[in-house]
Amino acid sequence: MITVKEAREKALSFLSKQGLEREFIENVSVKLDDAEKLINISRKKQPQKILEIGTFVGVSTAVLGLCLPETKIVCIDADLPVTLQNILCVKKFEINNEKTNLYFVEKVLQQLEILTRFTLKRGFFSCCFPNKEDLDQVVNYGIKPEDREIIGPKVCEKYGPFDMAFLDADHRKEAVKQDLILLSRYIRPGGAIVLHDVGLDYWGQEVRQGVEQFLKEYPQKEFRIEGEIGFISI
């Protein structure tokens, strides 16, 4: 059985050869410790079907695919240009790559020979940049938000219910809350929603506040945190 470290390294190594700076990928992708927690939770749940929201360039996607060889995975991503993703990050890198996220996701899954177990969907999950500052940056870059539909409800209806979801998309609290409200309707009883970046930094606080707002409306749900990984039991 492949280890999480080996799976993550395979993805990082391949993507860095595709013209993406490794430090940039490392900064915005799931870290090794978080990836191991994600896979540990996943193996306990033994999911037949996972929904991943926010694939970026496919590091966590590849880890899930390699470490869960019997699982089918549906991925949703807004599929923004990598250069724009860099602009939206707190820490900036010298990135000049106009290819979009799903271009790299498909490439790495093909290279690892696991693409056939994946369904890749382009669009927003539950909402489109509820934060005006983020939206303005996207529009100023030249992206028309209306060119990317909100596809979460359709995807969930067609491919759900899911045994587990991995949520690592828009970290603004408004988006997190809306994503969780939609997601919670399509996770099977006994399943879980795993969230990334729930630490104590700026984005972690945003994600936590989004979860807290969700739990006020769904108080019967249980939320636990292990480092940068949080999970809600359904």
Protein backbone atom coordinates (compact mmCIF):
# COMPACT_ATOMS: atom_id res chain seq x y z
CA MET A 1 0.00 0.00 0.00
CA ILE A 2 1.35 3.43 -0.95
CA THR A 3 2.01 5.81 1.92
CA VAL A 4 0.49 9.28 2.12
CA LYS A 5 4.00 10.76 1.92
CA GLU A 6 4.78 8.82 -1.24
CA ALA A 7 1.45 9.76 -2.84
CA ARG A 8 1.87 13.44 -2.05
CA GLU A 9 5.45 13.44 -3.34
CA LYS A 10 4.38 11.84 -6.62
CA ALA A 11 1.88 14.67 -7.17
CA LEU A 12 4.25 17.46 -6.12
CA SER A 13 7.11 16.10 -8.24
CA PHE A 14 4.98 15.78 -11.36
CA LEU A 15 3.33 19.20 -10.98
CA SER A 16 6.67 20.93 -10.43
CA LYS A 17 7.82 19.46 -13.76
CA GLN A 18 4.78 21.05 -15.42
CA GLY A 19 6.10 24.57 -14.79
CA LEU A 20 4.62 25.20 -11.35
CA GLU A 21 7.02 26.42 -8.67
CA ARG A 22 7.21 23.76 -5.98
CA GLU A 23 7.22 26.30 -3.12
CA PHE A 24 4.00 27.78 -4.50
CA ILE A 25 2.31 24.38 -4.74
CA GLU A 26 3.47 23.46 -1.23
CA ASN A 27 2.14 26.74 0.16
CA VAL A 28 -1.38 26.41 -1.19
CA SER A 29 -1.85 22.62 -1.10
CA VAL A 30 -2.52 20.19 1.72
CA LYS A 31 0.54 19.67 3.96
CA LEU A 32 1.81 16.18 4.76
CA ASP A 33 0.45 16.10 8.31
CA ASP A 34 -2.96 17.28 7.11
CA ALA A 35 -2.96 14.79 4.25
CA GLU A 36 -2.25 11.96 6.68
CA LYS A 37 -5.14 13.05 8.91
CA LEU A 38 -7.42 13.25 5.86
CA ILE A 39 -6.53 9.73 4.78
CA ASN A 40 -6.82 8.33 8.32
CA ILE A 41 -10.35 9.73 8.60
CA SER A 42 -11.17 8.45 5.11
CA ARG A 43 -9.95 4.92 5.81
CA LYS A 44 -12.03 4.75 8.98
CA LYS A 45 -15.11 5.75 6.99
CA GLN A 46 -14.25 3.40 4.09
CA PRO A 47 -16.02 5.65 1.57
CA GLN A 48 -17.22 4.31 -1.74
CA LYS A 49 -17.80 7.83 -3.03
CA ILE A 50 -16.19 11.16 -2.05
CA LEU A 51 -16.96 14.72 -3.10
CA GLU A 52 -13.96 17.06 -3.14
CA ILE A 53 -14.70 20.78 -3.33
CA GLY A 54 -11.74 22.98 -4.22
CA THR A 55 -9.16 20.77 -5.94
CA PHE A 56 -6.68 23.57 -6.82
CA VAL A 57 -4.00 21.79 -8.94
CA GLY A 58 -4.68 18.31 -7.59
CA VAL A 59 -2.31 17.44 -4.72
CA SER A 60 -5.03 16.37 -2.27
CA THR A 61 -6.95 14.91 -5.21
CA ALA A 62 -4.03 12.67 -6.13
CA VAL A 63 -3.45 11.65 -2.51
CA LEU A 64 -7.09 10.61 -2.14
CA GLY A 65 -7.00 8.69 -5.39
CA LEU A 66 -3.77 6.84 -4.68
CA CYS A 67 -4.46 6.04 -1.02
CA LEU A 68 -8.11 5.04 -1.53
CA PRO A 69 -7.87 2.79 -4.60
CA GLU A 70 -11.47 1.54 -4.41
CA THR A 71 -13.08 4.97 -4.04
CA LYS A 72 -14.76 7.02 -6.74
CA ILE A 73 -14.23 10.76 -6.39
CA VAL A 74 -16.19 13.70 -7.78
CA CYS A 75 -14.29 17.00 -7.86
CA ILE A 76 -15.65 20.52 -8.16
CA ASP A 77 -13.41 23.52 -8.77
CA ALA A 78 -13.99 27.03 -10.09
CA ASP A 79 -11.04 26.32 -12.42
CA LEU A 80 -9.38 29.71 -12.17
CA PRO A 81 -6.03 30.49 -13.81
CA VAL A 82 -3.13 29.61 -11.52
CA THR A 83 -1.86 33.20 -11.78
CA LEU A 84 -5.18 34.47 -10.40
CA GLN A 85 -5.07 31.93 -7.58
CA ASN A 86 -1.70 33.41 -6.63
CA ILE A 87 -3.18 36.93 -6.59
CA LEU A 88 -5.91 35.78 -4.21
CA CYS A 89 -3.41 34.20 -1.80
CA VAL A 90 -2.03 36.05 1.22
CA LYS A 91 1.53 34.97 0.40
CA LYS A 92 2.49 35.90 -3.17
CA PHE A 93 4.88 34.13 -5.54
CA GLU A 94 6.33 34.96 -8.94
CA ILE A 95 3.80 33.04 -10.96
CA ASN A 96 3.03 33.59 -14.63
CA ASN A 97 0.95 30.61 -15.71
CA GLU A 98 -2.39 31.15 -17.41
CA LYS A 99 -3.38 27.48 -17.35
CA THR A 100 -6.28 26.72 -15.04
CA ASN A 101 -6.53 24.39 -12.06
CA LEU A 102 -8.35 21.53 -13.74
CA TYR A 103 -5.78 21.40 -16.55
CA PHE A 104 -3.20 20.36 -13.96
CA VAL A 105 -5.61 18.10 -12.06
CA GLU A 106 -6.37 16.10 -15.19
CA LYS A 107 -2.68 15.91 -16.12
CA VAL A 108 -1.55 14.59 -12.73
CA LEU A 109 -4.39 12.05 -12.51
CA GLN A 110 -3.53 10.81 -16.01
CA GLN A 111 0.13 10.51 -15.09
CA LEU A 112 -0.75 8.48 -11.99
CA GLU A 113 -3.16 6.32 -14.01
CA ILE A 114 -6.15 6.95 -11.74
CA LEU A 115 -8.20 9.40 -13.83
CA THR A 116 -10.91 6.85 -14.64
CA ARG A 117 -12.15 6.91 -11.02
CA PHE A 118 -12.61 10.67 -11.06
CA THR A 119 -15.33 13.00 -12.33
CA LEU A 120 -14.09 16.59 -12.75
CA LYS A 121 -16.61 19.43 -12.77
CA ARG A 122 -15.95 23.13 -13.48
CA GLY A 123 -17.94 25.71 -11.52
CA PHE A 124 -18.76 27.09 -8.10
CA PHE A 125 -20.28 24.83 -5.46
CA SER A 126 -22.83 26.89 -3.53
CA CYS A 127 -21.93 30.54 -4.15
CA CYS A 128 -19.68 32.80 -6.21
CA PHE A 129 -17.22 34.94 -4.22
CA PRO A 130 -19.49 36.35 -1.52
CA ASN A 131 -16.63 38.65 -0.48
CA LYS A 132 -16.66 41.81 -2.64
CA GLU A 133 -12.90 42.36 -2.40
CA ASP A 134 -12.22 38.89 -3.81
CA LEU A 135 -14.86 39.33 -6.50
CA ASP A 136 -13.36 42.68 -7.56
CA GLN A 137 -9.92 41.08 -7.95
CA VAL A 138 -11.38 38.32 -10.10
CA VAL A 139 -13.27 40.78 -12.31
CA ASN A 140 -10.25 43.08 -12.61
CA TYR A 141 -8.18 40.10 -13.71
CA GLY A 142 -10.61 39.62 -16.59
CA ILE A 143 -12.67 36.67 -15.39
CA LYS A 144 -16.43 36.93 -15.73
CA PRO A 145 -18.00 35.08 -12.76
CA GLU A 146 -21.12 34.44 -14.80
CA ASP A 147 -19.04 32.21 -17.10
CA ARG A 148 -18.83 29.71 -14.24
CA GLU A 149 -22.14 28.42 -12.97
CA ILE A 150 -23.04 27.42 -9.42
CA ILE A 151 -23.13 23.67 -10.04
CA GLY A 152 -23.19 22.18 -6.53
CA PRO A 153 -26.92 21.40 -6.39
CA LYS A 154 -26.91 19.71 -9.83
CA VAL A 155 -23.76 17.72 -9.12
CA CYS A 156 -25.04 16.56 -5.74
CA GLU A 157 -28.37 15.51 -7.20
CA LYS A 158 -26.70 13.57 -10.02
CA TYR A 159 -23.81 11.93 -8.16
CA GLY A 160 -24.86 11.98 -4.51
CA PRO A 161 -25.33 11.00 -1.84
CA PHE A 162 -21.67 10.77 -0.80
CA ASP A 163 -20.00 8.89 2.02
CA MET A 164 -17.61 11.76 2.68
CA ALA A 165 -16.71 15.23 1.46
CA PHE A 166 -13.44 17.16 1.57
CA LEU A 167 -14.09 20.91 1.64
CA ASP A 168 -11.12 23.12 0.74
CA ALA A 169 -12.66 25.86 -1.40
CA ASP A 170 -13.45 29.52 -0.60
CA HIS A 171 -12.38 30.04 3.03
CA ARG A 172 -14.54 33.12 3.63
CA LYS A 173 -16.97 32.40 6.43
CA GLU A 174 -20.00 33.24 4.27
CA ALA A 175 -18.93 30.69 1.65
CA VAL A 176 -18.05 28.03 4.22
CA LYS A 177 -21.49 28.28 5.81
CA GLN A 178 -23.29 28.04 2.47
CA ASP A 179 -21.12 25.15 1.32
CA LEU A 180 -21.84 23.23 4.53
CA ILE A 181 -25.59 23.80 4.34
CA LEU A 182 -25.67 22.35 0.83
CA LEU A 183 -23.20 19.55 1.58
CA SER A 184 -24.97 18.34 4.70
CA ARG A 185 -28.00 17.34 2.64
CA TYR A 186 -25.98 14.94 0.50
CA ILE A 187 -23.77 13.08 2.98
CA ARG A 188 -25.01 9.64 4.02
CA PRO A 189 -25.72 9.01 7.71
CA GLY A 190 -22.48 7.96 9.37
CA GLY A 191 -20.45 9.98 6.89
CA ALA A 192 -18.35 13.08 7.43
CA ILE A 193 -17.43 16.47 6.00
CA VAL A 194 -13.70 17.11 6.34
CA LEU A 195 -12.52 20.72 6.23
CA HIS A 196 -9.01 21.99 5.58
CA ASP A 197 -7.34 25.08 7.11
CA VAL A 198 -9.16 25.29 10.43
CA GLY A 199 -6.11 26.50 12.37
CA LEU A 200 -5.67 29.72 14.31
CA ASP A 201 -4.37 31.93 11.49
CA TYR A 202 -6.55 34.41 9.56
CA TRP A 203 -8.05 31.85 7.16
CA GLY A 204 -8.49 29.29 9.90
CA GLN A 205 -10.55 31.77 11.89
CA GLU A 206 -12.68 32.48 8.83
CA VAL A 207 -13.36 28.79 8.29
CA ARG A 208 -14.14 28.25 11.98
CA GLN A 209 -16.59 31.15 11.99
CA GLY A 210 -18.31 29.70 8.94
CA VAL A 211 -18.63 26.35 10.74
CA GLU A 212 -19.96 28.06 13.87
CA GLN A 213 -22.62 29.85 11.84
CA PHE A 214 -23.59 26.54 10.24
CA LEU A 215 -23.79 24.80 13.64
CA LYS A 216 -26.15 27.47 14.97
CA GLU A 217 -28.64 26.28 12.37
CA TYR A 218 -27.70 22.60 12.70
CA PRO A 219 -26.80 22.18 16.40
CA GLN A 220 -27.16 18.40 16.25
CA LYS A 221 -23.97 18.12 14.19
CA GLU A 222 -20.65 17.40 15.91
CA PHE A 223 -17.49 19.33 14.94
CA ARG A 224 -13.98 18.25 15.92
CA ILE A 225 -10.57 19.73 15.15
CA GLU A 226 -7.18 18.04 14.79
CA GLY A 227 -4.56 20.64 13.89
CA GLU A 228 -5.48 22.14 10.52
CA ILE A 229 -8.11 19.51 9.82
CA GLY A 230 -11.68 19.69 11.09
CA PHE A 231 -14.52 17.27 10.52
CA ILE A 232 -18.25 17.28 10.98
CA SER A 233 -19.94 13.96 11.66
CA ILE A 234 -23.23 13.43 9.89
